[in-house]
Protein backbone atom coordinates (compact mmCIF):
# COMPACT_ATOMS: atom_id res chain seq x y z
CA MET A 1 -57.90 -40.49 11.18
CA LEU A 2 -59.38 -41.96 14.33
CA GLY A 3 -58.41 -45.54 15.11
CA ALA A 4 -55.44 -47.53 13.98
CA LEU A 5 -52.74 -45.81 12.01
CA VAL A 6 -51.76 -48.38 9.41
CA ILE A 7 -48.26 -48.17 7.97
CA SER A 8 -47.32 -50.09 4.84
CA ALA A 9 -44.22 -52.23 5.14
CA MET A 10 -41.30 -50.90 3.14
CA GLY A 11 -38.64 -52.60 1.09
CA SER A 12 -40.69 -55.70 0.27
CA THR A 13 -39.23 -58.35 -2.02
CA LEU A 14 -42.41 -60.44 -2.09
CA THR A 15 -43.92 -61.87 -5.25
CA ASN A 16 -46.91 -60.23 -6.92
CA ALA A 17 -49.24 -62.80 -5.32
CA GLN A 18 -47.81 -62.13 -1.89
CA THR A 19 -48.04 -58.35 -2.17
CA LYS A 20 -51.80 -58.67 -2.61
CA SER A 21 -52.04 -59.98 0.94
CA LYS A 22 -53.15 -57.09 3.12
CA VAL A 23 -54.44 -56.64 6.65
CA SER A 24 -57.91 -55.24 7.28
CA SER A 25 -58.59 -53.75 10.71
CA TRP A 26 -61.50 -52.70 12.90
CA VAL A 27 -60.84 -50.44 15.89
CA THR A 28 -62.54 -49.28 19.06
CA GLN A 29 -60.91 -46.32 20.79
CA ALA A 30 -60.67 -46.28 24.57
CA ASP A 31 -63.16 -43.42 24.84
CA GLY A 32 -65.63 -44.98 22.40
CA SER A 33 -65.25 -42.16 19.85
CA THR A 34 -64.57 -44.92 17.33
CA ALA A 35 -66.42 -48.19 17.97
CA LEU A 36 -65.74 -51.31 15.89
CA GLN A 37 -65.00 -49.08 12.92
CA LYS A 38 -63.30 -50.43 9.82
CA GLN A 39 -60.10 -48.57 8.98
CA LYS A 40 -59.53 -47.29 5.45
CA ALA A 41 -55.84 -48.06 5.19
CA GLN A 42 -54.75 -51.67 4.74
CA PRO A 43 -51.07 -52.52 5.28
CA ALA A 44 -49.42 -54.95 2.90
CA PHE A 45 -47.10 -57.67 4.14
CA GLY A 46 -43.41 -57.04 3.64
CA LYS A 47 -40.21 -57.19 5.65
CA VAL A 48 -40.18 -56.89 9.43
CA ASN A 49 -39.38 -53.36 10.59
CA ALA A 50 -36.86 -54.07 13.34
CA LYS A 51 -37.46 -50.70 15.02
CA TYR A 52 -40.85 -51.82 16.29
CA THR A 53 -42.39 -54.50 18.48
CA VAL A 54 -43.17 -57.83 16.79
CA ILE A 55 -46.29 -59.91 17.41
CA THR A 56 -45.61 -63.28 15.81
CA VAL A 57 -48.60 -65.35 14.76
CA ASN A 58 -47.97 -69.06 14.23
CA ASP A 59 -50.89 -70.99 12.75
CA LYS A 60 -48.95 -74.25 12.94
CA GLN A 61 -49.45 -74.22 16.74
CA VAL A 62 -53.15 -74.93 17.33
CA TYR A 63 -55.06 -74.92 20.61
CA GLN A 64 -58.82 -75.25 21.24
CA GLN A 65 -61.62 -75.03 18.70
CA MET A 66 -64.07 -72.21 19.31
CA ASP A 67 -67.81 -72.75 19.71
CA GLY A 68 -68.59 -69.05 19.58
CA PHE A 69 -69.05 -65.63 21.16
CA GLY A 70 -72.27 -64.07 22.36
CA PHE A 71 -74.61 -63.22 25.22
CA THR A 72 -77.34 -64.55 27.47
CA LEU A 73 -80.73 -64.11 25.86
CA THR A 74 -82.66 -63.51 29.09
CA GLY A 75 -86.43 -63.56 29.25
CA GLY A 76 -86.30 -59.80 29.78
CA SER A 77 -84.11 -59.36 26.68
CA ALA A 78 -86.62 -61.32 24.59
CA GLU A 79 -89.56 -59.35 26.02
CA LEU A 80 -88.00 -56.02 25.01
CA ILE A 81 -86.88 -57.12 21.54
CA ASN A 82 -90.24 -58.74 20.78
CA LYS A 83 -92.00 -55.40 21.48
CA LEU A 84 -90.07 -53.60 18.75
CA PRO A 85 -91.87 -52.71 15.50
CA ALA A 86 -91.51 -55.58 13.05
CA ALA A 87 -89.12 -53.81 10.67
CA GLU A 88 -86.91 -52.52 13.47
CA LYS A 89 -86.82 -55.93 15.14
CA SER A 90 -85.91 -57.63 11.85
CA HIS A 91 -83.11 -55.14 11.20
CA LEU A 92 -81.74 -55.56 14.74
CA LEU A 93 -81.72 -59.36 14.60
CA ASP A 94 -80.00 -59.24 11.20
CA GLU A 95 -77.36 -56.91 12.61
CA MET A 96 -76.67 -59.12 15.61
CA PHE A 97 -76.93 -62.63 14.17
CA ARG A 98 -76.29 -62.62 10.43
CA THR A 99 -72.81 -63.95 9.74
CA THR A 100 -72.34 -61.95 6.54
CA GLY A 101 -72.54 -58.22 5.87
CA ASN A 102 -72.18 -55.47 8.46
CA GLY A 103 -73.50 -57.30 11.54
CA ILE A 104 -71.54 -58.71 14.47
CA GLY A 105 -72.33 -62.39 13.78
CA ILE A 106 -73.24 -63.64 17.27
CA SER A 107 -72.70 -67.40 17.14
CA TYR A 108 -73.57 -68.58 20.67
CA LEU A 109 -76.39 -67.82 23.11
CA ARG A 110 -77.04 -68.86 26.66
CA ILE A 111 -80.65 -69.09 27.82
CA SER A 112 -82.22 -69.84 31.19
CA VAL A 113 -84.13 -73.07 31.81
CA GLY A 114 -87.19 -71.41 33.33
CA ALA A 115 -86.76 -67.88 34.65
CA SER A 116 -83.47 -66.17 35.42
CA ASP A 117 -83.32 -63.10 37.65
CA LEU A 118 -83.69 -61.00 34.48
CA ASN A 119 -87.23 -62.16 33.84
CA ALA A 120 -90.15 -60.03 34.94
CA ASP A 121 -91.43 -62.92 37.09
CA VAL A 122 -90.09 -66.10 38.68
CA PHE A 123 -91.27 -69.36 37.13
CA THR A 124 -90.23 -72.89 36.22
CA TYR A 125 -91.89 -75.22 33.72
CA ASP A 126 -93.71 -77.19 36.42
CA ASP A 127 -94.88 -74.87 39.18
CA MET A 128 -97.43 -76.29 41.60
CA PRO A 129 -99.55 -74.80 44.41
CA ALA A 130 -97.92 -74.90 47.84
CA GLY A 131 -97.93 -78.39 49.26
CA GLN A 132 -98.55 -80.11 45.92
CA THR A 133 -96.06 -82.06 43.80
CA ASP A 134 -96.00 -83.41 40.24
CA PRO A 135 -93.63 -86.40 40.12
CA GLN A 136 -95.00 -87.48 36.73
CA LEU A 137 -94.39 -83.97 35.32
CA ALA A 138 -97.95 -83.94 34.01
CA HIS A 139 -98.10 -80.14 34.31
CA PHE A 140 -94.78 -79.49 32.52
CA SER A 141 -95.14 -76.65 30.00
CA LEU A 142 -92.85 -74.24 28.15
CA GLU A 143 -95.70 -71.74 27.78
CA LYS A 144 -94.18 -69.10 30.06
CA ASP A 145 -91.10 -69.03 27.84
CA ALA A 146 -93.13 -68.56 24.65
CA GLY A 147 -91.49 -65.17 23.98
CA VAL A 148 -87.95 -66.55 24.23
CA ILE A 149 -88.87 -69.52 22.05
CA ALA A 150 -90.45 -67.35 19.34
CA LEU A 151 -87.41 -65.06 19.29
CA LEU A 152 -85.01 -68.00 19.09
CA GLN A 153 -86.98 -69.36 16.16
CA ASP A 154 -86.57 -65.99 14.40
CA ILE A 155 -82.85 -65.94 15.18
CA LEU A 156 -82.32 -69.49 13.92
CA LYS A 157 -83.83 -68.52 10.58
CA ILE A 158 -81.04 -65.96 10.28
CA ASN A 159 -78.27 -68.21 11.64
CA PRO A 160 -79.33 -71.88 11.73
CA HIS A 161 -75.85 -72.85 12.99
CA LEU A 162 -76.15 -70.78 16.20
CA LYS A 163 -75.34 -72.85 19.30
CA ILE A 164 -77.42 -72.61 22.46
CA LEU A 165 -76.52 -73.40 26.06
CA GLY A 166 -79.21 -73.79 28.70
CA SER A 167 -78.76 -73.01 32.42
CA PRO A 168 -81.38 -73.48 35.15
CA TRP A 169 -81.51 -70.89 37.94
CA THR A 170 -83.68 -73.19 40.07
CA ALA A 171 -85.60 -76.44 40.09
CA PRO A 172 -89.36 -76.23 40.72
CA SER A 173 -89.94 -75.24 44.36
CA TRP A 174 -91.68 -78.53 45.19
CA MET A 175 -88.39 -80.32 44.47
CA LYS A 176 -86.43 -78.12 46.92
CA THR A 177 -85.60 -78.39 50.58
CA ASN A 178 -86.99 -74.95 51.40
CA ALA A 179 -89.95 -75.03 48.95
CA LEU A 180 -88.95 -71.54 47.73
CA SER A 181 -87.67 -70.10 44.46
CA LYS A 182 -84.68 -68.54 46.25
CA GLY A 183 -81.93 -70.63 47.84
CA GLY A 184 -82.48 -74.11 49.22
CA LYS A 185 -81.18 -77.37 47.76
CA LEU A 186 -82.49 -80.08 45.49
CA LYS A 187 -84.07 -82.87 47.55
CA GLU A 188 -82.23 -86.16 47.08
CA ASP A 189 -85.50 -87.97 46.45
CA CYS A 190 -86.15 -85.52 43.57
CA TYR A 191 -82.86 -86.18 41.73
CA ASP A 192 -84.49 -88.58 39.28
CA VAL A 193 -87.60 -86.48 38.61
CA TYR A 194 -85.46 -83.37 38.09
CA ALA A 195 -83.30 -85.30 35.63
CA GLN A 196 -86.48 -86.22 33.75
CA TYR A 197 -87.55 -82.56 33.88
CA LEU A 198 -84.30 -81.66 32.09
CA VAL A 199 -84.82 -84.46 29.53
CA LYS A 200 -88.34 -83.18 28.94
CA TYR A 201 -87.01 -79.64 28.51
CA ILE A 202 -84.46 -80.65 25.89
CA ARG A 203 -87.00 -82.75 23.98
CA SER A 204 -89.67 -80.04 24.17
CA MET A 205 -87.28 -77.40 22.86
CA LYS A 206 -86.22 -79.74 20.06
CA ALA A 207 -89.89 -80.09 19.10
CA LYS A 208 -89.91 -76.29 18.72
CA GLY A 209 -86.93 -76.47 16.36
CA ILE A 210 -84.41 -75.44 19.03
CA THR A 211 -81.44 -77.70 19.77
CA ILE A 212 -79.85 -77.29 23.20
CA ASP A 213 -76.19 -77.94 22.44
CA ALA A 214 -75.04 -77.90 26.07
CA LEU A 215 -76.57 -77.68 29.54
CA THR A 216 -75.03 -76.46 32.77
CA LEU A 217 -76.81 -78.12 35.67
CA GLN A 218 -77.11 -75.01 37.84
CA ASN A 219 -76.31 -71.34 37.37
CA GLU A 220 -74.00 -70.15 40.17
CA PRO A 221 -74.51 -73.20 42.38
CA LEU A 222 -72.75 -71.54 45.34
CA ASN A 223 -74.91 -68.38 45.24
CA PRO A 224 -78.18 -68.51 47.21
CA LYS A 225 -78.82 -64.75 46.96
CA ASN A 226 -80.44 -64.48 43.52
CA ASN A 227 -84.14 -64.87 42.95
CA PRO A 228 -84.40 -67.53 41.60
CA SER A 229 -81.45 -69.61 42.82
CA LEU A 230 -80.50 -73.04 44.18
CA VAL A 231 -77.42 -74.23 46.06
CA MET A 232 -75.70 -77.35 44.73
CA GLU A 233 -72.36 -78.25 46.31
CA ALA A 234 -69.78 -80.16 44.26
CA ALA A 235 -70.53 -83.49 45.96
CA GLU A 236 -74.23 -82.98 45.29
CA GLN A 237 -73.66 -82.14 41.64
CA ALA A 238 -71.45 -85.21 41.26
CA ALA A 239 -74.15 -87.41 42.78
CA PHE A 240 -76.85 -85.81 40.65
CA ILE A 241 -74.84 -86.49 37.49
CA LYS A 242 -73.80 -90.06 38.14
CA LYS A 243 -77.04 -91.24 39.76
CA SER A 244 -79.62 -89.36 37.72
CA VAL A 245 -78.77 -86.93 34.90
CA GLY A 246 -76.08 -88.98 33.17
CA PRO A 247 -78.08 -92.22 33.10
CA ALA A 248 -81.29 -90.36 32.16
CA PHE A 249 -79.61 -88.61 29.20
CA LYS A 250 -78.05 -91.89 28.09
CA ALA A 251 -81.35 -93.79 28.30
CA ALA A 252 -83.16 -91.03 26.38
CA ASN A 253 -80.35 -90.78 23.79
CA ILE A 254 -79.90 -87.11 24.65
CA LYS A 255 -76.78 -85.70 22.94
CA THR A 256 -76.80 -82.38 24.81
CA LYS A 257 -73.44 -81.84 26.53
CA ILE A 258 -73.42 -81.83 30.34
CA VAL A 259 -71.32 -78.95 31.65
CA LEU A 260 -70.25 -78.54 35.29
CA TYR A 261 -70.16 -75.67 37.74
CA ASP A 262 -71.11 -72.38 35.90
CA HIS A 263 -69.72 -70.12 38.61
CA ASN A 264 -66.67 -68.06 39.54
CA ALA A 265 -63.02 -68.78 38.79
CA ASP A 266 -62.12 -68.62 42.49
CA ARG A 267 -63.28 -72.22 42.95
CA PRO A 268 -61.58 -74.41 40.32
CA ASP A 269 -61.67 -77.15 42.95
CA TYR A 270 -65.44 -77.50 42.39
CA PRO A 271 -65.30 -78.88 38.85
CA MET A 272 -62.08 -80.78 39.54
CA ASP A 273 -63.65 -82.55 42.51
CA ILE A 274 -66.35 -83.85 40.16
CA LEU A 275 -64.01 -84.65 37.28
CA LYS A 276 -61.85 -86.85 39.51
CA ASP A 277 -64.91 -89.06 40.08
CA PRO A 278 -64.90 -91.47 37.10
CA GLU A 279 -68.57 -92.39 37.56
CA ALA A 280 -69.59 -88.74 37.15
CA SER A 281 -66.85 -87.68 34.75
CA GLN A 282 -67.86 -90.19 32.07
CA TYR A 283 -70.99 -88.12 31.41
CA VAL A 284 -69.34 -84.69 31.52
CA ASP A 285 -68.18 -82.61 28.54
CA GLY A 286 -66.50 -79.85 30.56
CA SER A 287 -66.77 -76.93 32.99
CA ALA A 288 -68.16 -73.39 32.79
CA PHE A 289 -66.93 -70.25 34.53
CA HIS A 290 -67.83 -66.68 35.45
CA LEU A 291 -65.33 -64.09 36.69
CA TYR A 292 -66.98 -62.21 39.55
CA GLY A 293 -64.29 -63.78 41.71
CA GLY A 294 -60.88 -65.36 41.12
CA LYS A 295 -58.52 -65.05 38.16
CA ILE A 296 -59.08 -66.18 34.59
CA GLU A 297 -55.89 -68.31 34.76
CA ALA A 298 -57.83 -70.78 36.93
CA LEU A 299 -59.30 -72.15 33.69
CA ASN A 300 -55.82 -73.18 32.63
CA GLU A 301 -55.41 -74.99 35.95
CA VAL A 302 -58.52 -77.07 35.20
CA HIS A 303 -57.34 -77.68 31.63
CA ASN A 304 -53.93 -78.89 32.77
CA ALA A 305 -55.53 -81.31 35.24
CA TYR A 306 -58.18 -82.57 32.78
CA PRO A 307 -57.03 -81.73 29.23
CA ASP A 308 -59.66 -84.01 27.67
CA LYS A 309 -62.51 -81.87 29.11
CA ASN A 310 -63.70 -78.64 27.54
CA LEU A 311 -63.90 -75.20 29.13
CA TYR A 312 -66.54 -72.51 28.61
CA PHE A 313 -66.81 -68.92 29.74
CA THR A 314 -70.53 -68.32 30.19
CA GLU A 315 -71.24 -65.05 32.00
CA GLN A 316 -69.92 -61.62 32.93
CA TRP A 317 -72.03 -58.54 33.51
CA VAL A 318 -71.38 -54.86 32.89
CA GLY A 319 -72.59 -52.92 35.92
CA ALA A 320 -74.83 -49.97 35.10
CA PRO A 321 -74.47 -47.25 34.07
CA GLY A 322 -71.14 -48.56 32.75
CA LYS A 323 -67.77 -46.90 32.27
CA PHE A 324 -66.84 -47.44 28.65
CA THR A 325 -63.07 -47.10 28.94
CA GLU A 326 -62.71 -49.24 32.08
CA ASN A 327 -65.20 -51.88 30.95
CA LEU A 328 -63.67 -52.17 27.48
CA ASN A 329 -60.19 -52.64 28.92
CA TRP A 330 -61.15 -55.16 31.63
CA HIS A 331 -63.40 -57.32 29.47
CA ILE A 332 -61.09 -57.44 26.45
CA ASN A 333 -58.07 -58.27 28.62
CA ASN A 334 -59.76 -60.83 30.86
CA LEU A 335 -62.41 -62.38 28.62
CA ILE A 336 -61.91 -61.97 24.88
CA ILE A 337 -58.16 -62.47 25.28
CA GLY A 338 -57.79 -63.94 28.78
CA ALA A 339 -60.50 -66.60 28.65
CA THR A 340 -59.57 -67.80 25.17
CA ARG A 341 -55.85 -67.91 25.99
CA ASN A 342 -56.87 -70.10 28.94
CA TRP A 343 -58.74 -72.63 26.79
CA ALA A 344 -62.33 -71.33 26.82
CA ARG A 345 -64.35 -72.41 23.77
CA THR A 346 -66.92 -69.66 24.33
CA VAL A 347 -66.97 -66.14 25.69
CA LEU A 348 -70.44 -64.96 26.68
CA GLU A 349 -71.34 -61.61 28.19
CA TRP A 350 -74.44 -61.38 30.37
CA ASN A 351 -77.75 -59.88 29.27
CA LEU A 352 -78.32 -59.08 25.64
CA ALA A 353 -80.85 -56.31 26.29
CA ALA A 354 -82.40 -54.16 29.02
CA ASP A 355 -84.33 -50.91 29.07
CA SER A 356 -82.99 -47.58 30.35
CA LYS A 357 -84.02 -48.50 33.92
CA TYR A 358 -82.17 -51.87 33.68
CA GLU A 359 -85.44 -53.75 33.67
CA PRO A 360 -87.14 -56.18 33.58
CA HIS A 361 -85.89 -58.21 36.54
CA THR A 362 -87.45 -60.38 39.22
CA PRO A 363 -88.06 -59.11 42.76
CA GLY A 364 -84.60 -59.65 44.24
CA GLY A 365 -82.97 -59.91 40.80
CA CYS A 366 -80.22 -57.76 39.32
CA THR A 367 -81.14 -54.05 39.36
CA GLU A 368 -77.97 -52.74 37.67
CA CYS A 369 -77.32 -55.07 34.74
CA LEU A 370 -76.51 -52.97 31.67
CA GLY A 371 -77.58 -54.76 28.50
CA ALA A 372 -75.40 -55.06 25.44
CA ILE A 373 -78.13 -52.95 23.93
CA THR A 374 -80.58 -50.59 25.61
CA VAL A 375 -84.03 -50.90 24.08
CA GLU A 376 -86.23 -47.82 24.27
CA LYS A 377 -87.69 -45.70 21.46
CA SER A 378 -84.29 -46.14 19.84
CA ILE A 379 -81.56 -48.76 20.23
CA THR A 380 -78.38 -47.85 22.08
CA ARG A 381 -75.36 -50.11 21.60
CA ASN A 382 -73.40 -50.34 24.82
CA VAL A 383 -69.85 -51.44 25.59
CA ALA A 384 -70.58 -55.21 25.78
CA TYR A 385 -71.90 -55.08 22.19
CA TYR A 386 -68.49 -53.91 20.98
CA ILE A 387 -66.53 -56.19 23.32
CA ILE A 388 -68.19 -59.28 21.85
CA GLY A 389 -68.33 -57.80 18.34
CA HIS A 390 -64.54 -57.54 18.19
CA ALA A 391 -64.49 -61.36 18.25
CA SER A 392 -67.88 -62.62 17.04
CA LYS A 393 -67.77 -60.67 13.77
CA PHE A 394 -64.47 -62.24 12.74
CA VAL A 395 -64.06 -65.54 14.62
CA PRO A 396 -66.92 -67.87 13.64
CA ALA A 397 -67.69 -71.18 15.29
CA GLY A 398 -65.19 -73.80 14.15
CA SER A 399 -62.26 -71.39 14.27
CA VAL A 400 -59.22 -72.49 16.26
CA ARG A 401 -57.00 -70.49 18.54
CA ILE A 402 -53.44 -70.32 17.26
CA ALA A 403 -50.19 -69.16 18.83
CA SER A 404 -49.22 -65.53 19.23
CA ASN A 405 -46.70 -63.96 21.57
CA ILE A 406 -47.51 -61.20 24.04
CA ASN A 407 -44.87 -58.52 23.80
CA GLY A 408 -45.03 -55.86 26.50
CA ASP A 409 -48.28 -53.89 26.61
CA LEU A 410 -49.74 -55.36 23.40
CA VAL A 411 -51.93 -58.09 24.87
CA ASN A 412 -53.47 -60.25 22.16
CA VAL A 413 -54.96 -63.52 20.97
CA ALA A 414 -54.98 -65.09 17.50
CA PHE A 415 -57.30 -67.43 15.59
CA ARG A 416 -57.56 -69.23 12.25
CA THR A 417 -61.05 -69.38 10.78
CA PRO A 418 -62.50 -72.39 8.90
CA GLN A 419 -61.88 -70.40 5.71
CA GLY A 420 -58.18 -70.10 6.57
CA ARG A 421 -58.21 -66.41 7.46
CA LYS A 422 -56.08 -65.23 10.38
CA VAL A 423 -57.55 -62.99 13.07
CA LEU A 424 -55.51 -61.14 15.69
CA ILE A 425 -57.26 -59.20 18.48
CA VAL A 426 -54.95 -56.70 20.21
CA ILE A 427 -55.39 -54.19 23.03
CA ASN A 428 -52.79 -51.53 23.71
CA ASN A 429 -52.40 -51.40 27.51
CA GLY A 430 -49.51 -48.93 27.28
CA LYS A 431 -49.54 -45.20 27.99
CA ASN A 432 -48.54 -44.26 24.45
CA LYS A 433 -49.54 -45.12 20.92
CA ALA A 434 -47.87 -48.37 19.86
CA ILE A 435 -46.49 -49.21 16.44
CA PHE A 436 -45.98 -52.93 15.91
CA ASN A 437 -45.31 -55.65 13.35
CA ILE A 438 -47.84 -58.41 12.79
CA LYS A 439 -45.54 -61.19 11.65
CA GLN A 440 -46.44 -64.53 10.12
CA GLY A 441 -43.69 -66.68 8.71
CA ASP A 442 -41.05 -64.42 7.16
CA ARG A 443 -43.37 -61.54 6.36
CA ALA A 444 -44.88 -58.75 8.43
CA ALA A 445 -47.31 -55.84 8.24
CA LEU A 446 -46.78 -52.69 10.27
CA CYS A 447 -49.76 -51.37 12.24
CA SER A 448 -50.48 -49.17 15.24
CA LEU A 449 -53.02 -48.65 18.01
CA ASP A 450 -53.65 -45.62 20.18
CA THR A 451 -53.35 -46.07 23.93
CA GLY A 452 -56.25 -48.11 25.30
CA ALA A 453 -57.55 -48.94 21.85
CA VAL A 454 -58.68 -52.41 20.73
CA GLY A 455 -58.06 -53.62 17.21
CA THR A 456 -59.12 -56.72 15.32
CA PHE A 457 -56.75 -57.42 12.42
CA VAL A 458 -57.73 -59.84 9.67
CA TRP A 459 -55.78 -61.25 6.71
């Protein structure tokens, strides 16, 4: 049998009620020959087998609550999915977003405020001819995002509890120092009008039935190389929050969370420099990170300094054409396990969908971003689909991370769901198949994983 060998515990002295408690498991092999496949055997809890490694799960020790797992629904992703035949599109959305049945139960999406670099074209919601401005935002319109909005409305019918985070890649060019979509900074005299632009965005989306749960103020604020992009140093973001965005959201009774940074883990000083400013910090829910630089443990550094502020992991790409074994190992270790063990409330991979040429993208946008799915005449599910699925299918929003020990090569993370179920995600980083006890309290179930395999165990 491919996947996890499941070995029933022997010599149990449990009561009849206790012996009914079994562990279900879903496994992805390192080579992808088995991908998020449910295993037939289900081990029962019994005595610990002292010959084998023990992973102890303690649901009395609780850490952060989870908001969810998912992807960025780019404009390009929406364009491709919306072109599918109606029945195929409906089936795909059910598979990805329904929280019951055989789907993967995506519970969190990130979207761009205006275009990201994975739109076919660059746009904001208030573009003006060169040399013209619109300080009253009279020309503001969501029309160019009609495809994303329509798809979100379809998704919310399937999962009305889905949470959505918005991230702008740029302000309108007339608000910027270089008057271009790429690079430049936000003009200081446009702080207030840009804050009103964001208020208008949140209200306009709400009118479409779409609640923006959280908003990062700038995608990758230290990266001027994308098209679109905008540079916003920490001191500038702090000033923007305390002078404009925070007061504007408060005056408009906007409940959307303000989230800092949204860039790599090599600069934890960026969010901490803002959080130490009480005038700015009062408006801030937390900080968001990517991992194209730095180490995931930097999130823990921010948590330790500001434990009352939340942490989010909001983006990581898979570079095309993708190497299944390497990508599975790195992303499970660093994101699904690493980010959550370092206090992240979300884990989001990058683009949900692309075609076989890794399009669409803007001129100057990402040319090698492999989607979680490839949309052509048929749908191909790629490695990011299974990476997120190992968590999203089993760990719904409202779950909490609980304690589990890491013993040798069996790197893992554990959760308790709102229904009281326990979920343990394990990757075997060793060179040989590993047999191990999953122990809770004074009982244990004996399981195994092949080398490089990922397993989600549920009881």
